[in-house]
PDB file of N, CA and C in Angstrom:
ATOM      1  N   MET A   1     -46.510 -41.506 -12.819  1.00  0.00           N
ATOM      2  CA  MET A   1     -46.188 -40.940 -14.113  1.00  0.00           C
ATOM      3  C   MET A   1     -46.606 -41.947 -15.257  1.00  0.00           C
ATOM      4  N   LEU A   2     -46.195 -43.177 -15.019  1.00  0.00           N
ATOM      5  CA  LEU A   2     -46.482 -44.143 -16.087  1.00  0.00           C
ATOM      6  C   LEU A   2     -48.058 -44.299 -16.126  1.00  0.00           C
ATOM      7  N   LEU A   3     -48.779 -44.117 -14.974  1.00  0.00           N
ATOM      8  CA  LEU A   3     -50.236 -44.272 -15.073  1.00  0.00           C
ATOM      9  C   LEU A   3     -50.899 -43.224 -15.924  1.00  0.00           C
ATOM     10  N   ALA A   4     -50.403 -42.080 -15.871  1.00  0.00           N
ATOM     11  CA  ALA A   4     -50.907 -40.905 -16.746  1.00  0.00           C
ATOM     12  C   ALA A   4     -50.622 -41.184 -18.212  1.00  0.00           C
ATOM     13  N   ALA A   5     -49.405 -41.628 -18.497  1.00  0.00           N
ATOM     14  CA  ALA A   5     -49.050 -41.975 -19.833  1.00  0.00           C
ATOM     15  C   ALA A   5     -49.897 -43.108 -20.387  1.00  0.00           C
ATOM     16  N   GLY A   6     -50.078 -44.145 -19.508  1.00  0.00           N
ATOM     17  CA  GLY A   6     -50.896 -45.246 -19.941  1.00  0.00           C
ATOM     18  C   GLY A   6     -52.343 -44.910 -20.127  1.00  0.00           C
ATOM     19  N   LEU A   7     -52.850 -44.092 -19.337  1.00  0.00           N
ATOM     20  CA  LEU A   7     -54.274 -43.592 -19.561  1.00  0.00           C
ATOM     21  C   LEU A   7     -54.413 -42.803 -20.879  1.00  0.00           C
ATOM     22  N   VAL A   8     -53.445 -41.876 -21.142  1.00  0.00           N
ATOM     23  CA  VAL A   8     -53.542 -41.229 -22.423  1.00  0.00           C
ATOM     24  C   VAL A   8     -53.341 -42.127 -23.604  1.00  0.00           C
ATOM     25  N   GLY A   9     -52.363 -42.974 -23.524  1.00  0.00           N
ATOM     26  CA  GLY A   9     -52.092 -43.822 -24.638  1.00  0.00           C
ATOM     27  C   GLY A   9     -53.222 -44.933 -24.830  1.00  0.00           C
ATOM     28  N   GLY A  10     -53.689 -45.455 -23.738  1.00  0.00           N
ATOM     29  CA  GLY A  10     -54.793 -46.428 -23.822  1.00  0.00           C
ATOM     30  C   GLY A  10     -56.082 -45.785 -24.301  1.00  0.00           C
ATOM     31  N   GLY A  11     -56.384 -44.570 -23.870  1.00  0.00           N
ATOM     32  CA  GLY A  11     -57.618 -43.889 -24.391  1.00  0.00           C
ATOM     33  C   GLY A  11     -57.505 -43.632 -25.863  1.00  0.00           C
ATOM     34  N   LEU A  12     -56.366 -43.173 -26.347  1.00  0.00           N
ATOM     35  CA  LEU A  12     -56.237 -42.938 -27.764  1.00  0.00           C
ATOM     36  C   LEU A  12     -56.296 -44.237 -28.577  1.00  0.00           C
ATOM     37  N   LEU A  13     -55.641 -45.294 -28.020  1.00  0.00           N
ATOM     38  CA  LEU A  13     -55.766 -46.587 -28.696  1.00  0.00           C
ATOM     39  C   LEU A  13     -57.063 -47.115 -28.767  1.00  0.00           C
ATOM     40  N   ALA A  14     -57.828 -46.946 -27.764  1.00  0.00           N
ATOM     41  CA  ALA A  14     -59.211 -47.439 -27.756  1.00  0.00           C
ATOM     42  C   ALA A  14     -60.075 -46.720 -28.729  1.00  0.00           C
ATOM     43  N   VAL A  15     -59.784 -45.528 -28.914  1.00  0.00           N
ATOM     44  CA  VAL A  15     -60.580 -44.603 -29.888  1.00  0.00           C
ATOM     45  C   VAL A  15     -60.284 -45.047 -31.295  1.00  0.00           C
ATOM     46  N   PHE A  16     -58.920 -45.264 -31.654  1.00  0.00           N
ATOM     47  CA  PHE A  16     -58.641 -45.568 -32.972  1.00  0.00           C
ATOM     48  C   PHE A  16     -58.616 -47.007 -33.431  1.00  0.00           C
ATOM     49  N   ILE A  17     -58.637 -47.908 -32.503  1.00  0.00           N
ATOM     50  CA  ILE A  17     -58.654 -49.307 -32.852  1.00  0.00           C
ATOM     51  C   ILE A  17     -59.987 -49.927 -32.385  1.00  0.00           C
ATOM     52  N   GLN A  18     -61.063 -49.517 -33.094  1.00  0.00           N
ATOM     53  CA  GLN A  18     -62.315 -50.166 -32.931  1.00  0.00           C
ATOM     54  C   GLN A  18     -62.867 -50.518 -34.247  1.00  0.00           C
ATOM     55  N   PRO A  19     -62.559 -51.723 -34.743  1.00  0.00           N
ATOM     56  CA  PRO A  19     -63.009 -52.078 -36.113  1.00  0.00           C
ATOM     57  C   PRO A  19     -64.482 -52.105 -36.280  1.00  0.00           C
ATOM     58  N   THR A  20     -65.235 -52.389 -35.279  1.00  0.00           N
ATOM     59  CA  THR A  20     -66.708 -52.536 -35.439  1.00  0.00           C
ATOM     60  C   THR A  20     -67.323 -51.109 -35.445  1.00  0.00           C
ATOM     61  N   ALA A  21     -66.731 -50.160 -34.823  1.00  0.00           N
ATOM     62  CA  ALA A  21     -67.298 -48.867 -34.692  1.00  0.00           C
ATOM     63  C   ALA A  21     -67.459 -48.069 -36.004  1.00  0.00           C
ATOM     64  N   SER A  22     -66.566 -48.334 -36.951  1.00  0.00           N
ATOM     65  CA  SER A  22     -66.589 -47.483 -38.181  1.00  0.00           C
ATOM     66  C   SER A  22     -67.783 -47.800 -39.051  1.00  0.00           C
ATOM     67  N   GLY A  23     -68.187 -49.012 -39.119  1.00  0.00           N
ATOM     68  CA  GLY A  23     -69.323 -49.369 -39.846  1.00  0.00           C
ATOM     69  C   GLY A  23     -70.681 -49.382 -39.134  1.00  0.00           C
ATOM     70  N   SER A  24     -70.646 -49.111 -37.857  1.00  0.00           N
ATOM     71  CA  SER A  24     -71.829 -49.121 -36.990  1.00  0.00           C
ATOM     72  C   SER A  24     -72.694 -47.921 -37.271  1.00  0.00           C
ATOM     73  N   PRO A  25     -74.053 -48.052 -37.387  1.00  0.00           N
ATOM     74  CA  PRO A  25     -74.964 -46.851 -37.483  1.00  0.00           C
ATOM     75  C   PRO A  25     -74.953 -45.958 -36.333  1.00  0.00           C
ATOM     76  N   THR A  26     -74.441 -46.442 -35.110  1.00  0.00           N
ATOM     77  CA  THR A  26     -74.545 -45.646 -33.926  1.00  0.00           C
ATOM     78  C   THR A  26     -73.168 -44.917 -33.771  1.00  0.00           C
ATOM     79  N   ALA A  27     -72.166 -45.112 -34.552  1.00  0.00           N
ATOM     80  CA  ALA A  27     -70.860 -44.416 -34.430  1.00  0.00           C
ATOM     81  C   ALA A  27     -71.019 -42.994 -34.895  1.00  0.00           C
ATOM     82  N   ARG A  28     -70.339 -42.123 -34.218  1.00  0.00           N
ATOM     83  CA  ARG A  28     -70.293 -40.670 -34.457  1.00  0.00           C
ATOM     84  C   ARG A  28     -68.962 -40.285 -35.015  1.00  0.00           C
ATOM     85  N   SER A  29     -68.890 -39.451 -36.026  1.00  0.00           N
ATOM     86  CA  SER A  29     -67.603 -38.907 -36.493  1.00  0.00           C
ATOM     87  C   SER A  29     -67.540 -37.462 -36.012  1.00  0.00           C
ATOM     88  N   GLY A  30     -66.330 -37.063 -35.775  1.00  0.00           N
ATOM     89  CA  GLY A  30     -66.030 -35.711 -35.246  1.00  0.00           C
ATOM     90  C   GLY A  30     -66.208 -35.609 -33.741  1.00  0.00           C
ATOM     91  N   GLY A  31     -66.258 -34.422 -33.186  1.00  0.00           N
ATOM     92  CA  GLY A  31     -66.385 -34.252 -31.756  1.00  0.00           C
ATOM     93  C   GLY A  31     -65.065 -33.901 -31.107  1.00  0.00           C
ATOM     94  N   VAL A  32     -65.075 -33.964 -29.783  1.00  0.00           N
ATOM     95  CA  VAL A  32     -63.976 -33.598 -29.019  1.00  0.00           C
ATOM     96  C   VAL A  32     -63.626 -34.745 -27.972  1.00  0.00           C
ATOM     97  N   PHE A  33     -62.387 -35.138 -27.991  1.00  0.00           N
ATOM     98  CA  PHE A  33     -61.953 -36.222 -27.078  1.00  0.00           C
ATOM     99  C   PHE A  33     -61.162 -35.543 -25.947  1.00  0.00           C
ATOM    100  N   ARG A  34     -61.776 -35.663 -24.684  1.00  0.00           N
ATOM    101  CA  ARG A  34     -61.124 -34.988 -23.550  1.00  0.00           C
ATOM    102  C   ARG A  34     -60.615 -35.980 -22.499  1.00  0.00           C
ATOM    103  N   ILE A  35     -59.562 -35.656 -21.969  1.00  0.00           N
ATOM    104  CA  ILE A  35     -58.941 -36.489 -20.853  1.00  0.00           C
ATOM    105  C   ILE A  35     -58.707 -35.555 -19.791  1.00  0.00           C
ATOM    106  N   SER A  36     -59.061 -35.940 -18.591  1.00  0.00           N
ATOM    107  CA  SER A  36     -58.843 -35.099 -17.335  1.00  0.00           C
ATOM    108  C   SER A  36     -57.751 -35.658 -16.537  1.00  0.00           C
ATOM    109  N   LEU A  37     -56.651 -35.002 -16.417  1.00  0.00           N
ATOM    110  CA  LEU A  37     -55.632 -35.366 -15.562  1.00  0.00           C
ATOM    111  C   LEU A  37     -55.534 -34.532 -14.366  1.00  0.00           C
ATOM    112  N   VAL A  38     -55.856 -34.985 -13.210  1.00  0.00           N
ATOM    113  CA  VAL A  38     -55.956 -34.224 -12.034  1.00  0.00           C
ATOM    114  C   VAL A  38     -54.405 -33.943 -11.611  1.00  0.00           C
ATOM    115  N   GLY A  39     -54.147 -32.742 -11.369  1.00  0.00           N
ATOM    116  CA  GLY A  39     -52.769 -32.320 -11.003  1.00  0.00           C
ATOM    117  C   GLY A  39     -51.942 -31.797 -12.194  1.00  0.00           C
ATOM    118  N   LEU A  40     -52.463 -31.826 -13.384  1.00  0.00           N
ATOM    119  CA  LEU A  40     -51.692 -31.326 -14.549  1.00  0.00           C
ATOM    120  C   LEU A  40     -51.662 -29.778 -14.356  1.00  0.00           C
ATOM    121  N   ASP A  41     -50.457 -29.215 -14.354  1.00  0.00           N
ATOM    122  CA  ASP A  41     -50.294 -27.790 -14.294  1.00  0.00           C
ATOM    123  C   ASP A  41     -50.153 -27.152 -15.672  1.00  0.00           C
ATOM    124  N   TYR A  42     -49.189 -27.527 -16.425  1.00  0.00           N
ATOM    125  CA  TYR A  42     -48.901 -26.877 -17.729  1.00  0.00           C
ATOM    126  C   TYR A  42     -48.378 -27.986 -18.656  1.00  0.00           C
ATOM    127  N   ILE A  43     -48.623 -27.722 -20.007  1.00  0.00           N
ATOM    128  CA  ILE A  43     -47.961 -28.660 -20.957  1.00  0.00           C
ATOM    129  C   ILE A  43     -46.859 -27.881 -21.569  1.00  0.00           C
ATOM    130  N   ASP A  44     -46.512 -26.739 -21.126  1.00  0.00           N
ATOM    131  CA  ASP A  44     -45.317 -26.068 -21.576  1.00  0.00           C
ATOM    132  C   ASP A  44     -44.111 -26.469 -20.744  1.00  0.00           C
ATOM    133  N   PRO A  45     -43.078 -27.012 -21.333  1.00  0.00           N
ATOM    134  CA  PRO A  45     -41.924 -27.407 -20.571  1.00  0.00           C
ATOM    135  C   PRO A  45     -41.321 -26.386 -19.744  1.00  0.00           C
ATOM    136  N   ALA A  46     -41.396 -25.091 -20.176  1.00  0.00           N
ATOM    137  CA  ALA A  46     -40.810 -23.966 -19.413  1.00  0.00           C
ATOM    138  C   ALA A  46     -41.595 -23.693 -18.159  1.00  0.00           C
ATOM    139  N   LEU A  47     -42.869 -24.104 -18.084  1.00  0.00           N
ATOM    140  CA  LEU A  47     -43.690 -23.754 -16.960  1.00  0.00           C
ATOM    141  C   LEU A  47     -44.072 -24.882 -16.085  1.00  0.00           C
ATOM    142  N   SER A  48     -43.936 -26.094 -16.536  1.00  0.00           N
ATOM    143  CA  SER A  48     -44.472 -27.300 -15.857  1.00  0.00           C
ATOM    144  C   SER A  48     -43.453 -27.668 -14.765  1.00  0.00           C
ATOM    145  N   TYR A  49     -44.054 -28.026 -13.593  1.00  0.00           N
ATOM    146  CA  TYR A  49     -43.245 -28.425 -12.471  1.00  0.00           C
ATOM    147  C   TYR A  49     -43.759 -29.657 -11.731  1.00  0.00           C
ATOM    148  N   SER A  50     -44.942 -30.146 -12.196  1.00  0.00           N
ATOM    149  CA  SER A  50     -45.468 -31.421 -11.587  1.00  0.00           C
ATOM    150  C   SER A  50     -45.063 -32.587 -12.340  1.00  0.00           C
ATOM    151  N   SER A  51     -45.066 -33.709 -11.593  1.00  0.00           N
ATOM    152  CA  SER A  51     -44.662 -35.019 -12.254  1.00  0.00           C
ATOM    153  C   SER A  51     -45.580 -35.471 -13.397  1.00  0.00           C
ATOM    154  N   ILE A  52     -46.943 -35.119 -13.196  1.00  0.00           N
ATOM    155  CA  ILE A  52     -47.869 -35.429 -14.177  1.00  0.00           C
ATOM    156  C   ILE A  52     -47.635 -34.576 -15.411  1.00  0.00           C
ATOM    157  N   GLY A  53     -47.357 -33.356 -15.284  1.00  0.00           N
ATOM    158  CA  GLY A  53     -46.966 -32.473 -16.394  1.00  0.00           C
ATOM    159  C   GLY A  53     -45.785 -32.988 -17.131  1.00  0.00           C
ATOM    160  N   TRP A  54     -44.774 -33.352 -16.504  1.00  0.00           N
ATOM    161  CA  TRP A  54     -43.501 -33.836 -17.107  1.00  0.00           C
ATOM    162  C   TRP A  54     -43.759 -35.237 -17.739  1.00  0.00           C
ATOM    163  N   THR A  55     -44.600 -36.062 -17.249  1.00  0.00           N
ATOM    164  CA  THR A  55     -44.927 -37.345 -17.919  1.00  0.00           C
ATOM    165  C   THR A  55     -45.609 -37.046 -19.173  1.00  0.00           C
ATOM    166  N   LEU A  56     -46.562 -36.170 -19.247  1.00  0.00           N
ATOM    167  CA  LEU A  56     -47.330 -35.955 -20.504  1.00  0.00           C
ATOM    168  C   LEU A  56     -46.306 -35.321 -21.505  1.00  0.00           C
ATOM    169  N   ILE A  57     -45.464 -34.401 -21.051  1.00  0.00           N
ATOM    170  CA  ILE A  57     -44.495 -33.816 -21.977  1.00  0.00           C
ATOM    171  C   ILE A  57     -43.487 -34.876 -22.496  1.00  0.00           C
ATOM    172  N   ASP A  58     -42.935 -35.768 -21.616  1.00  0.00           N
ATOM    173  CA  ASP A  58     -42.036 -36.752 -22.039  1.00  0.00           C
ATOM    174  C   ASP A  58     -42.768 -37.711 -23.003  1.00  0.00           C
ATOM    175  N   THR A  59     -43.966 -38.003 -22.893  1.00  0.00           N
ATOM    176  CA  THR A  59     -44.702 -38.954 -23.732  1.00  0.00           C
ATOM    177  C   THR A  59     -45.002 -38.331 -25.098  1.00  0.00           C
ATOM    178  N   THR A  60     -45.301 -37.112 -25.187  1.00  0.00           N
ATOM    179  CA  THR A  60     -45.705 -36.525 -26.450  1.00  0.00           C
ATOM    180  C   THR A  60     -44.725 -35.658 -27.088  1.00  0.00           C
ATOM    181  N   CYS A  61     -43.627 -35.296 -26.508  1.00  0.00           N
ATOM    182  CA  CYS A  61     -42.704 -34.257 -27.061  1.00  0.00           C
ATOM    183  C   CYS A  61     -41.312 -34.861 -27.211  1.00  0.00           C
ATOM    184  N   ALA A  62     -40.564 -34.338 -28.191  1.00  0.00           N
ATOM    185  CA  ALA A  62     -39.148 -34.744 -28.321  1.00  0.00           C
ATOM    186  C   ALA A  62     -38.311 -33.629 -27.826  1.00  0.00           C
ATOM    187  N   ARG A  63     -37.104 -33.855 -27.335  1.00  0.00           N
ATOM    188  CA  ARG A  63     -36.174 -32.748 -26.840  1.00  0.00           C
ATOM    189  C   ARG A  63     -35.079 -32.665 -27.810  1.00  0.00           C
ATOM    190  N   LEU A  64     -34.566 -31.466 -27.831  1.00  0.00           N
ATOM    191  CA  LEU A  64     -33.295 -31.266 -28.650  1.00  0.00           C
ATOM    192  C   LEU A  64     -32.162 -32.149 -28.186  1.00  0.00           C
ATOM    193  N   MET A  65     -31.883 -32.079 -26.917  1.00  0.00           N
ATOM    194  CA  MET A  65     -30.869 -32.849 -26.319  1.00  0.00           C
ATOM    195  C   MET A  65     -31.429 -33.694 -25.160  1.00  0.00           C
ATOM    196  N   THR A  66     -30.899 -34.914 -24.867  1.00  0.00           N
ATOM    197  CA  THR A  66     -31.357 -35.689 -23.792  1.00  0.00           C
ATOM    198  C   THR A  66     -30.279 -36.466 -23.203  1.00  0.00           C
ATOM    199  N   TYR A  67     -30.641 -37.175 -22.057  1.00  0.00           N
ATOM    200  CA  TYR A  67     -29.603 -38.131 -21.438  1.00  0.00           C
ATOM    201  C   TYR A  67     -29.988 -39.465 -21.926  1.00  0.00           C
ATOM    202  N   PRO A  68     -29.078 -40.279 -22.334  1.00  0.00           N
ATOM    203  CA  PRO A  68     -29.331 -41.580 -22.921  1.00  0.00           C
ATOM    204  C   PRO A  68     -29.732 -42.551 -21.806  1.00  0.00           C
ATOM    205  N   ASP A  69     -30.449 -43.575 -22.101  1.00  0.00           N
ATOM    206  CA  ASP A  69     -30.821 -44.606 -21.226  1.00  0.00           C
ATOM    207  C   ASP A  69     -29.822 -45.696 -21.258  1.00  0.00           C
ATOM    208  N   LYS A  70     -28.609 -45.361 -20.601  1.00  0.00           N
ATOM    209  CA  LYS A  70     -27.467 -46.189 -20.626  1.00  0.00           C
ATOM    210  C   LYS A  70     -26.891 -46.178 -19.139  1.00  0.00           C
ATOM    211  N   PRO A  71     -26.118 -47.180 -18.822  1.00  0.00           N
ATOM    212  CA  PRO A  71     -25.451 -47.185 -17.531  1.00  0.00           C
ATOM    213  C   PRO A  71     -24.352 -46.075 -17.412  1.00  0.00           C
ATOM    214  N   ALA A  72     -24.047 -45.683 -16.109  1.00  0.00           N
ATOM    215  CA  ALA A  72     -23.025 -44.601 -15.861  1.00  0.00           C
ATOM    216  C   ALA A  72     -21.778 -45.087 -16.504  1.00  0.00           C
ATOM    217  N   PRO A  73     -20.854 -44.261 -16.955  1.00  0.00           N
ATOM    218  CA  PRO A  73     -20.921 -42.711 -16.964  1.00  0.00           C
ATOM    219  C   PRO A  73     -21.654 -42.193 -18.277  1.00  0.00           C
ATOM    220  N   GLN A  74     -22.032 -43.078 -19.200  1.00  0.00           N
ATOM    221  CA  GLN A  74     -22.655 -42.570 -20.462  1.00  0.00           C
ATOM    222  C   GLN A  74     -24.021 -41.943 -20.156  1.00  0.00           C
ATOM    223  N   ALA A  75     -24.703 -42.335 -19.045  1.00  0.00           N
ATOM    224  CA  ALA A  75     -25.987 -41.921 -18.673  1.00  0.00           C
ATOM    225  C   ALA A  75     -25.961 -40.323 -18.324  1.00  0.00           C
ATOM    226  N   PHE A  76     -24.768 -39.846 -18.047  1.00  0.00           N
ATOM    227  CA  PHE A  76     -24.683 -38.433 -17.587  1.00  0.00           C
ATOM    228  C   PHE A  76     -24.098 -37.491 -18.678  1.00  0.00           C
ATOM    229  N   ARG A  77     -24.124 -38.029 -19.919  1.00  0.00           N
ATOM    230  CA  ARG A  77     -23.598 -37.117 -21.025  1.00  0.00           C
ATOM    231  C   ARG A  77     -24.770 -36.751 -21.922  1.00  0.00           C
ATOM    232  N   LEU A  78     -25.041 -35.474 -22.126  1.00  0.00           N
ATOM    233  CA  LEU A  78     -26.047 -35.121 -23.066  1.00  0.00           C
ATOM    234  C   LEU A  78     -25.767 -35.524 -24.457  1.00  0.00           C
ATOM    235  N   VAL A  79     -26.772 -36.123 -25.125  1.00  0.00           N
ATOM    236  CA  VAL A  79     -26.666 -36.415 -26.544  1.00  0.00           C
ATOM    237  C   VAL A  79     -27.847 -35.844 -27.312  1.00  0.00           C
ATOM    238  N   PRO A  80     -27.679 -35.650 -28.659  1.00  0.00           N
ATOM    239  CA  PRO A  80     -28.831 -35.132 -29.474  1.00  0.00           C
ATOM    240  C   PRO A  80     -29.979 -36.148 -29.472  1.00  0.00           C
ATOM    241  N   GLU A  81     -31.174 -35.673 -29.376  1.00  0.00           N
ATOM    242  CA  GLU A  81     -32.316 -36.494 -29.494  1.00  0.00           C
ATOM    243  C   GLU A  81     -32.914 -36.192 -30.897  1.00  0.00           C
ATOM    244  N   VAL A  82     -33.180 -34.909 -31.184  1.00  0.00           N
ATOM    245  CA  VAL A  82     -33.640 -34.524 -32.518  1.00  0.00           C
ATOM    246  C   VAL A  82     -32.754 -33.425 -33.038  1.00  0.00           C
ATOM    247  N   ALA A  83     -31.829 -32.960 -32.324  1.00  0.00           N
ATOM    248  CA  ALA A  83     -30.881 -31.975 -32.912  1.00  0.00           C
ATOM    249  C   ALA A  83     -29.922 -32.630 -33.888  1.00  0.00           C
ATOM    250  N   ALA A  84     -29.410 -31.955 -34.782  1.00  0.00           N
ATOM    251  CA  ALA A  84     -28.469 -32.516 -35.723  1.00  0.00           C
ATOM    252  C   ALA A  84     -27.177 -32.846 -35.064  1.00  0.00           C
ATOM    253  N   ALA A  85     -26.784 -31.997 -34.037  1.00  0.00           N
ATOM    254  CA  ALA A  85     -25.500 -32.139 -33.429  1.00  0.00           C
ATOM    255  C   ALA A  85     -25.573 -31.346 -32.077  1.00  0.00           C
ATOM    256  N   PRO A  86     -24.638 -31.569 -31.178  1.00  0.00           N
ATOM    257  CA  PRO A  86     -24.636 -30.694 -29.945  1.00  0.00           C
ATOM    258  C   PRO A  86     -24.274 -29.368 -30.321  1.00  0.00           C
ATOM    259  N   PRO A  87     -24.665 -28.310 -29.544  1.00  0.00           N
ATOM    260  CA  PRO A  87     -24.395 -26.950 -29.866  1.00  0.00           C
ATOM    261  C   PRO A  87     -22.859 -26.689 -29.799  1.00  0.00           C
ATOM    262  N   LYS A  88     -22.476 -25.722 -30.589  1.00  0.00           N
ATOM    263  CA  LYS A  88     -20.984 -25.307 -30.501  1.00  0.00           C
ATOM    264  C   LYS A  88     -20.859 -23.909 -30.041  1.00  0.00           C
ATOM    265  N   VAL A  89     -19.881 -23.672 -29.201  1.00  0.00           N
ATOM    266  CA  VAL A  89     -19.677 -22.404 -28.543  1.00  0.00           C
ATOM    267  C   VAL A  89     -18.723 -21.618 -29.585  1.00  0.00           C
ATOM    268  N   SER A  90     -19.123 -20.427 -29.840  1.00  0.00           N
ATOM    269  CA  SER A  90     -18.296 -19.630 -30.702  1.00  0.00           C
ATOM    270  C   SER A  90     -16.948 -19.165 -30.053  1.00  0.00           C
ATOM    271  N   ARG A  91     -16.001 -18.697 -30.841  1.00  0.00           N
ATOM    272  CA  ARG A  91     -14.716 -18.235 -30.289  1.00  0.00           C
ATOM    273  C   ARG A  91     -14.811 -17.197 -29.258  1.00  0.00           C
ATOM    274  N   ASP A  92     -15.781 -16.341 -29.466  1.00  0.00           N
ATOM    275  CA  ASP A  92     -15.930 -15.219 -28.492  1.00  0.00           C
ATOM    276  C   ASP A  92     -16.945 -15.535 -27.408  1.00  0.00           C
ATOM    277  N   GLY A  93     -17.378 -16.736 -27.301  1.00  0.00           N
ATOM    278  CA  GLY A  93     -18.343 -17.180 -26.295  1.00  0.00           C
ATOM    279  C   GLY A  93     -19.654 -16.887 -26.585  1.00  0.00           C
TER     280      GLY A  93
END
């Protein structure tokens, strides 16, 4: 999982942090940057079931609610990641 995230991050970092390439006469602007991840099923969280798919989703997407990176028992309580607050259940359910 970390390998896939490292490859994606390292590839993007290598593309954007090349100070000599911007002034070089051989540098090209535009085009398509492609990365092949063998075993990637979907990038949709509702459809993805492989560890590579979830690694890419966790690296590039935020969740409404998440489990915090804390020791138990706090690690088992959902907390907002990008949501304003936890969801509230109405009186009639």
